[in-house]
Amino acid sequence: MEWTRITRNWNQAAGRLRQRFPHVDDAALSDAPPQVDEVARHVADRHDLTLHEARREVEDLLFPVRLPEPLQRAAG
């Protein structure tokens, strides 16, 4: 994952998160967290999701173009 790339464009990423997850706390998204797990935890708490569900949703939203793991290794 390219979390560093996401954090460099945090305002854009936070805007997308706010659109998809309307119950997130703006204060929680004001600064880029050091790890995607913190965003997923907040989304899970605010939207009645499991941590696994929230992480998957957040990753799908912020990292929309991903190859399956075996293809990434073969291409790398």
PDB file of N, CA and C in Angstrom:
ATOM      1  N   MET A   1       0.814  -1.181   0.000  1.00  0.00           N
ATOM      2  CA  MET A   1       0.000   0.000   0.000  1.00  0.00           C
ATOM      3  C   MET A   1       0.857   1.243   0.000  1.00  0.00           C
ATOM      4  N   GLU A   2       0.314   2.289  -0.512  1.00  0.00           N
ATOM      5  CA  GLU A   2       1.049   3.532  -0.591  1.00  0.00           C
ATOM      6  C   GLU A   2       0.438   4.559   0.372  1.00  0.00           C
ATOM      7  N   TRP A   3       0.472   4.246   1.650  1.00  0.00           N
ATOM      8  CA  TRP A   3      -0.107   5.138   2.643  1.00  0.00           C
ATOM      9  C   TRP A   3       0.582   6.502   2.641  1.00  0.00           C
ATOM     10  N   THR A   4       1.870   6.522   2.376  1.00  0.00           N
ATOM     11  CA  THR A   4       2.604   7.786   2.323  1.00  0.00           C
ATOM     12  C   THR A   4       2.037   8.691   1.236  1.00  0.00           C
ATOM     13  N   ARG A   5       1.705   8.123   0.093  1.00  0.00           N
ATOM     14  CA  ARG A   5       1.116   8.899  -1.006  1.00  0.00           C
ATOM     15  C   ARG A   5      -0.240   9.455  -0.579  1.00  0.00           C
ATOM     16  N   ILE A   6      -1.019   8.663   0.119  1.00  0.00           N
ATOM     17  CA  ILE A   6      -2.338   9.109   0.588  1.00  0.00           C
ATOM     18  C   ILE A   6      -2.174  10.251   1.587  1.00  0.00           C
ATOM     19  N   THR A   7      -1.232  10.127   2.496  1.00  0.00           N
ATOM     20  CA  THR A   7      -1.076  11.169   3.523  1.00  0.00           C
ATOM     21  C   THR A   7      -0.562  12.475   2.924  1.00  0.00           C
ATOM     22  N   ARG A   8       0.185  12.416   1.829  1.00  0.00           N
ATOM     23  CA  ARG A   8       0.643  13.640   1.165  1.00  0.00           C
ATOM     24  C   ARG A   8      -0.529  14.421   0.577  1.00  0.00           C
ATOM     25  N   ASN A   9      -1.584  13.730   0.201  1.00  0.00           N
ATOM     26  CA  ASN A   9      -2.790  14.342  -0.350  1.00  0.00           C
ATOM     27  C   ASN A   9      -3.957  14.153   0.619  1.00  0.00           C
ATOM     28  N   TRP A  10      -3.701  14.378   1.898  1.00  0.00           N
ATOM     29  CA  TRP A  10      -4.665  14.031   2.925  1.00  0.00           C
ATOM     30  C   TRP A  10      -5.991  14.779   2.794  1.00  0.00           C
ATOM     31  N   ASN A  11      -5.971  16.046   2.423  1.00  0.00           N
ATOM     32  CA  ASN A  11      -7.232  16.790   2.305  1.00  0.00           C
ATOM     33  C   ASN A  11      -8.164  16.140   1.295  1.00  0.00           C
ATOM     34  N   GLN A  12      -7.616  15.691   0.196  1.00  0.00           N
ATOM     35  CA  GLN A  12      -8.418  15.006  -0.814  1.00  0.00           C
ATOM     36  C   GLN A  12      -8.940  13.669  -0.275  1.00  0.00           C
ATOM     37  N   ALA A  13      -8.073  12.900   0.361  1.00  0.00           N
ATOM     38  CA  ALA A  13      -8.476  11.603   0.912  1.00  0.00           C
ATOM     39  C   ALA A  13      -9.531  11.778   2.004  1.00  0.00           C
ATOM     40  N   ALA A  14      -9.341  12.770   2.868  1.00  0.00           N
ATOM     41  CA  ALA A  14     -10.310  13.014   3.947  1.00  0.00           C
ATOM     42  C   ALA A  14     -11.659  13.416   3.371  1.00  0.00           C
ATOM     43  N   GLY A  15     -11.652  14.182   2.296  1.00  0.00           N
ATOM     44  CA  GLY A  15     -12.912  14.552   1.638  1.00  0.00           C
ATOM     45  C   GLY A  15     -13.650  13.342   1.106  1.00  0.00           C
ATOM     46  N   ARG A  16     -12.915  12.427   0.508  1.00  0.00           N
ATOM     47  CA  ARG A  16     -13.535  11.190   0.006  1.00  0.00           C
ATOM     48  C   ARG A  16     -14.096  10.355   1.159  1.00  0.00           C
ATOM     49  N   LEU A  17     -13.345  10.304   2.261  1.00  0.00           N
ATOM     50  CA  LEU A  17     -13.817   9.557   3.432  1.00  0.00           C
ATOM     51  C   LEU A  17     -15.091  10.174   3.989  1.00  0.00           C
ATOM     52  N   ARG A  18     -15.147  11.494   4.056  1.00  0.00           N
ATOM     53  CA  ARG A  18     -16.346  12.176   4.579  1.00  0.00           C
ATOM     54  C   ARG A  18     -17.565  11.917   3.701  1.00  0.00           C
ATOM     55  N   GLN A  19     -17.354  11.868   2.382  1.00  0.00           N
ATOM     56  CA  GLN A  19     -18.467  11.584   1.473  1.00  0.00           C
ATOM     57  C   GLN A  19     -18.987  10.168   1.662  1.00  0.00           C
ATOM     58  N   ARG A  20     -18.088   9.219   1.760  1.00  0.00           N
ATOM     59  CA  ARG A  20     -18.481   7.807   1.859  1.00  0.00           C
ATOM     60  C   ARG A  20     -18.983   7.439   3.254  1.00  0.00           C
ATOM     61  N   PHE A  21     -18.388   8.056   4.277  1.00  0.00           N
ATOM     62  CA  PHE A  21     -18.733   7.740   5.662  1.00  0.00           C
ATOM     63  C   PHE A  21     -19.173   9.019   6.370  1.00  0.00           C
ATOM     64  N   PRO A  22     -20.428   9.381   6.259  1.00  0.00           N
ATOM     65  CA  PRO A  22     -20.892  10.678   6.765  1.00  0.00           C
ATOM     66  C   PRO A  22     -20.826  10.846   8.281  1.00  0.00           C
ATOM     67  N   HIS A  23     -20.652   9.779   9.024  1.00  0.00           N
ATOM     68  CA  HIS A  23     -20.642   9.887  10.488  1.00  0.00           C
ATOM     69  C   HIS A  23     -19.238  10.029  11.078  1.00  0.00           C
ATOM     70  N   VAL A  24     -18.218  10.141  10.230  1.00  0.00           N
ATOM     71  CA  VAL A  24     -16.874  10.323  10.783  1.00  0.00           C
ATOM     72  C   VAL A  24     -16.770  11.701  11.414  1.00  0.00           C
ATOM     73  N   ASP A  25     -15.921  11.798  12.394  1.00  0.00           N
ATOM     74  CA  ASP A  25     -15.685  13.049  13.112  1.00  0.00           C
ATOM     75  C   ASP A  25     -14.638  13.858  12.347  1.00  0.00           C
ATOM     76  N   ASP A  26     -14.992  15.085  11.994  1.00  0.00           N
ATOM     77  CA  ASP A  26     -14.048  15.929  11.250  1.00  0.00           C
ATOM     78  C   ASP A  26     -12.728  16.105  11.988  1.00  0.00           C
ATOM     79  N   ALA A  27     -12.788  16.202  13.295  1.00  0.00           N
ATOM     80  CA  ALA A  27     -11.559  16.363  14.080  1.00  0.00           C
ATOM     81  C   ALA A  27     -10.653  15.141  13.933  1.00  0.00           C
ATOM     82  N   ALA A  28     -11.240  13.970  13.812  1.00  0.00           N
ATOM     83  CA  ALA A  28     -10.450  12.748  13.663  1.00  0.00           C
ATOM     84  C   ALA A  28      -9.750  12.694  12.310  1.00  0.00           C
ATOM     85  N   LEU A  29     -10.284  13.422  11.326  1.00  0.00           N
ATOM     86  CA  LEU A  29      -9.694  13.416   9.991  1.00  0.00           C
ATOM     87  C   LEU A  29      -8.921  14.696   9.687  1.00  0.00           C
ATOM     88  N   SER A  30      -8.756  15.552  10.676  1.00  0.00           N
ATOM     89  CA  SER A  30      -8.086  16.825  10.413  1.00  0.00           C
ATOM     90  C   SER A  30      -6.620  16.643  10.024  1.00  0.00           C
ATOM     91  N   ASP A  31      -5.959  15.680  10.599  1.00  0.00           N
ATOM     92  CA  ASP A  31      -4.569  15.358  10.261  1.00  0.00           C
ATOM     93  C   ASP A  31      -4.481  13.904   9.830  1.00  0.00           C
ATOM     94  N   ALA A  32      -3.573  13.637   8.928  1.00  0.00           N
ATOM     95  CA  ALA A  32      -3.394  12.265   8.450  1.00  0.00           C
ATOM     96  C   ALA A  32      -2.842  11.389   9.566  1.00  0.00           C
ATOM     97  N   PRO A  33      -3.519  10.297   9.876  1.00  0.00           N
ATOM     98  CA  PRO A  33      -2.989   9.378  10.889  1.00  0.00           C
ATOM     99  C   PRO A  33      -1.792   8.612  10.341  1.00  0.00           C
ATOM    100  N   PRO A  34      -0.941   8.113  11.232  1.00  0.00           N
ATOM    101  CA  PRO A  34       0.261   7.412  10.776  1.00  0.00           C
ATOM    102  C   PRO A  34      -0.022   6.077  10.075  1.00  0.00           C
ATOM    103  N   GLN A  35      -1.195   5.490  10.330  1.00  0.00           N
ATOM    104  CA  GLN A  35      -1.516   4.188   9.726  1.00  0.00           C
ATOM    105  C   GLN A  35      -2.973   4.142   9.307  1.00  0.00           C
ATOM    106  N   VAL A  36      -3.246   3.380   8.269  1.00  0.00           N
ATOM    107  CA  VAL A  36      -4.605   3.230   7.765  1.00  0.00           C
ATOM    108  C   VAL A  36      -5.507   2.563   8.815  1.00  0.00           C
ATOM    109  N   ASP A  37      -4.928   1.766   9.706  1.00  0.00           N
ATOM    110  CA  ASP A  37      -5.723   1.092  10.737  1.00  0.00           C
ATOM    111  C   ASP A  37      -6.453   2.083  11.641  1.00  0.00           C
ATOM    112  N   GLU A  38      -5.859   3.230  11.892  1.00  0.00           N
ATOM    113  CA  GLU A  38      -6.515   4.235  12.739  1.00  0.00           C
ATOM    114  C   GLU A  38      -7.760   4.784  12.059  1.00  0.00           C
ATOM    115  N   VAL A  39      -7.692   4.997  10.763  1.00  0.00           N
ATOM    116  CA  VAL A  39      -8.863   5.460  10.012  1.00  0.00           C
ATOM    117  C   VAL A  39      -9.929   4.371  10.030  1.00  0.00           C
ATOM    118  N   ALA A  40      -9.526   3.144   9.779  1.00  0.00           N
ATOM    119  CA  ALA A  40     -10.468   2.031   9.759  1.00  0.00           C
ATOM    120  C   ALA A  40     -11.146   1.855  11.115  1.00  0.00           C
ATOM    121  N   ARG A  41     -10.387   1.997  12.195  1.00  0.00           N
ATOM    122  CA  ARG A  41     -10.952   1.866  13.541  1.00  0.00           C
ATOM    123  C   ARG A  41     -12.023   2.935  13.782  1.00  0.00           C
ATOM    124  N   HIS A  42     -11.721   4.163  13.372  1.00  0.00           N
ATOM    125  CA  HIS A  42     -12.678   5.259  13.550  1.00  0.00           C
ATOM    126  C   HIS A  42     -13.944   5.018  12.713  1.00  0.00           C
ATOM    127  N   VAL A  43     -13.771   4.602  11.474  1.00  0.00           N
ATOM    128  CA  VAL A  43     -14.912   4.309  10.606  1.00  0.00           C
ATOM    129  C   VAL A  43     -15.743   3.171  11.194  1.00  0.00           C
ATOM    130  N   ALA A  44     -15.090   2.135  11.671  1.00  0.00           N
ATOM    131  CA  ALA A  44     -15.808   1.000  12.263  1.00  0.00           C
ATOM    132  C   ALA A  44     -16.642   1.444  13.453  1.00  0.00           C
ATOM    133  N   ASP A  45     -16.063   2.248  14.321  1.00  0.00           N
ATOM    134  CA  ASP A  45     -16.777   2.720  15.510  1.00  0.00           C
ATOM    135  C   ASP A  45     -17.979   3.582  15.148  1.00  0.00           C
ATOM    136  N   ARG A  46     -17.826   4.435  14.160  1.00  0.00           N
ATOM    137  CA  ARG A  46     -18.878   5.395  13.804  1.00  0.00           C
ATOM    138  C   ARG A  46     -19.960   4.827  12.892  1.00  0.00           C
ATOM    139  N   HIS A  47     -19.677   3.724  12.228  1.00  0.00           N
ATOM    140  CA  HIS A  47     -20.621   3.194  11.234  1.00  0.00           C
ATOM    141  C   HIS A  47     -21.050   1.753  11.509  1.00  0.00           C
ATOM    142  N   ASP A  48     -20.854   1.299  12.727  1.00  0.00           N
ATOM    143  CA  ASP A  48     -21.316  -0.028  13.129  1.00  0.00           C
ATOM    144  C   ASP A  48     -20.813  -1.123  12.187  1.00  0.00           C
ATOM    145  N   LEU A  49     -19.514  -1.088  11.935  1.00  0.00           N
ATOM    146  CA  LEU A  49     -18.859  -2.099  11.108  1.00  0.00           C
ATOM    147  C   LEU A  49     -17.816  -2.816  11.941  1.00  0.00           C
ATOM    148  N   THR A  50     -17.475  -4.021  11.513  1.00  0.00           N
ATOM    149  CA  THR A  50     -16.331  -4.679  12.144  1.00  0.00           C
ATOM    150  C   THR A  50     -15.068  -3.977  11.650  1.00  0.00           C
ATOM    151  N   LEU A  51     -13.980  -4.165  12.349  1.00  0.00           N
ATOM    152  CA  LEU A  51     -12.723  -3.566  11.929  1.00  0.00           C
ATOM    153  C   LEU A  51     -12.316  -4.082  10.552  1.00  0.00           C
ATOM    154  N   HIS A  52     -12.534  -5.364  10.316  1.00  0.00           N
ATOM    155  CA  HIS A  52     -12.214  -5.951   9.011  1.00  0.00           C
ATOM    156  C   HIS A  52     -13.050  -5.303   7.904  1.00  0.00           C
ATOM    157  N   GLU A  53     -14.345  -5.151   8.127  1.00  0.00           N
ATOM    158  CA  GLU A  53     -15.212  -4.528   7.125  1.00  0.00           C
ATOM    159  C   GLU A  53     -14.793  -3.084   6.853  1.00  0.00           C
ATOM    160  N   ALA A  54     -14.525  -2.359   7.921  1.00  0.00           N
ATOM    161  CA  ALA A  54     -14.147  -0.957   7.776  1.00  0.00           C
ATOM    162  C   ALA A  54     -12.822  -0.818   7.045  1.00  0.00           C
ATOM    163  N   ARG A  55     -11.863  -1.650   7.403  1.00  0.00           N
ATOM    164  CA  ARG A  55     -10.559  -1.563   6.736  1.00  0.00           C
ATOM    165  C   ARG A  55     -10.709  -1.849   5.250  1.00  0.00           C
ATOM    166  N   ARG A  56     -11.501  -2.839   4.908  1.00  0.00           N
ATOM    167  CA  ARG A  56     -11.719  -3.182   3.494  1.00  0.00           C
ATOM    168  C   ARG A  56     -12.376  -2.015   2.751  1.00  0.00           C
ATOM    169  N   GLU A  57     -13.378  -1.413   3.379  1.00  0.00           N
ATOM    170  CA  GLU A  57     -14.068  -0.267   2.769  1.00  0.00           C
ATOM    171  C   GLU A  57     -13.119   0.911   2.580  1.00  0.00           C
ATOM    172  N   VAL A  58     -12.331   1.213   3.596  1.00  0.00           N
ATOM    173  CA  VAL A  58     -11.385   2.332   3.527  1.00  0.00           C
ATOM    174  C   VAL A  58     -10.333   2.061   2.458  1.00  0.00           C
ATOM    175  N   GLU A  59      -9.791   0.867   2.432  1.00  0.00           N
ATOM    176  CA  GLU A  59      -8.788   0.533   1.424  1.00  0.00           C
ATOM    177  C   GLU A  59      -9.369   0.594   0.020  1.00  0.00           C
ATOM    178  N   ASP A  60     -10.580   0.087  -0.161  1.00  0.00           N
ATOM    179  CA  ASP A  60     -11.209   0.135  -1.483  1.00  0.00           C
ATOM    180  C   ASP A  60     -11.454   1.569  -1.925  1.00  0.00           C
ATOM    181  N   LEU A  61     -11.765   2.431  -0.983  1.00  0.00           N
ATOM    182  CA  LEU A  61     -12.009   3.835  -1.306  1.00  0.00           C
ATOM    183  C   LEU A  61     -10.717   4.581  -1.607  1.00  0.00           C
ATOM    184  N   LEU A  62      -9.703   4.392  -0.791  1.00  0.00           N
ATOM    185  CA  LEU A  62      -8.470   5.155  -0.932  1.00  0.00           C
ATOM    186  C   LEU A  62      -7.457   4.536  -1.889  1.00  0.00           C
ATOM    187  N   PHE A  63      -7.555   3.230  -2.099  1.00  0.00           N
ATOM    188  CA  PHE A  63      -6.635   2.527  -2.996  1.00  0.00           C
ATOM    189  C   PHE A  63      -7.452   1.795  -4.057  1.00  0.00           C
ATOM    190  N   PRO A  64      -8.158   2.528  -4.924  1.00  0.00           N
ATOM    191  CA  PRO A  64      -9.100   1.878  -5.839  1.00  0.00           C
ATOM    192  C   PRO A  64      -8.450   0.986  -6.887  1.00  0.00           C
ATOM    193  N   VAL A  65      -7.227   1.246  -7.265  1.00  0.00           N
ATOM    194  CA  VAL A  65      -6.577   0.435  -8.292  1.00  0.00           C
ATOM    195  C   VAL A  65      -5.510  -0.416  -7.629  1.00  0.00           C
ATOM    196  N   ARG A  66      -5.881  -1.651  -7.363  1.00  0.00           N
ATOM    197  CA  ARG A  66      -4.941  -2.595  -6.740  1.00  0.00           C
ATOM    198  C   ARG A  66      -5.005  -3.904  -7.491  1.00  0.00           C
ATOM    199  N   LEU A  67      -3.850  -4.468  -7.738  1.00  0.00           N
ATOM    200  CA  LEU A  67      -3.797  -5.801  -8.324  1.00  0.00           C
ATOM    201  C   LEU A  67      -3.874  -6.816  -7.207  1.00  0.00           C
ATOM    202  N   PRO A  68      -4.433  -7.982  -7.471  1.00  0.00           N
ATOM    203  CA  PRO A  68      -4.383  -9.033  -6.468  1.00  0.00           C
ATOM    204  C   PRO A  68      -2.936  -9.332  -6.094  1.00  0.00           C
ATOM    205  N   GLU A  69      -2.707  -9.706  -4.880  1.00  0.00           N
ATOM    206  CA  GLU A  69      -1.367  -9.908  -4.320  1.00  0.00           C
ATOM    207  C   GLU A  69      -0.460 -10.765  -5.216  1.00  0.00           C
ATOM    208  N   PRO A  70      -0.882 -11.934  -5.721  1.00  0.00           N
ATOM    209  CA  PRO A  70       0.025 -12.735  -6.541  1.00  0.00           C
ATOM    210  C   PRO A  70       0.449 -12.002  -7.839  1.00  0.00           C
ATOM    211  N   LEU A  71      -0.441 -11.208  -8.408  1.00  0.00           N
ATOM    212  CA  LEU A  71      -0.091 -10.469  -9.611  1.00  0.00           C
ATOM    213  C   LEU A  71       0.890  -9.346  -9.332  1.00  0.00           C
ATOM    214  N   GLN A  72       0.780  -8.721  -8.161  1.00  0.00           N
ATOM    215  CA  GLN A  72       1.710  -7.680  -7.792  1.00  0.00           C
ATOM    216  C   GLN A  72       3.127  -8.238  -7.698  1.00  0.00           C
ATOM    217  N   ARG A  73       3.257  -9.385  -7.070  1.00  0.00           N
ATOM    218  CA  ARG A  73       4.579  -9.997  -6.917  1.00  0.00           C
ATOM    219  C   ARG A  73       5.164 -10.397  -8.266  1.00  0.00           C
ATOM    220  N   ALA A  74       4.315 -10.935  -9.149  1.00  0.00           N
ATOM    221  CA  ALA A  74       4.787 -11.363 -10.454  1.00  0.00           C
ATOM    222  C   ALA A  74       5.202 -10.161 -11.310  1.00  0.00           C
ATOM    223  N   ALA A  75       4.489  -9.051 -11.145  1.00  0.00           N
ATOM    224  CA  ALA A  75       4.801  -7.853 -11.938  1.00  0.00           C
ATOM    225  C   ALA A  75       5.998  -7.095 -11.384  1.00  0.00           C
ATOM    226  N   GLY A  76       6.259  -7.263 -10.077  1.00  0.00           N
ATOM    227  CA  GLY A  76       7.303  -6.492  -9.403  1.00  0.00           C
ATOM    228  C   GLY A  76       8.653  -6.914  -9.764  1.00  0.00           C
TER     229      GLY A  76
END
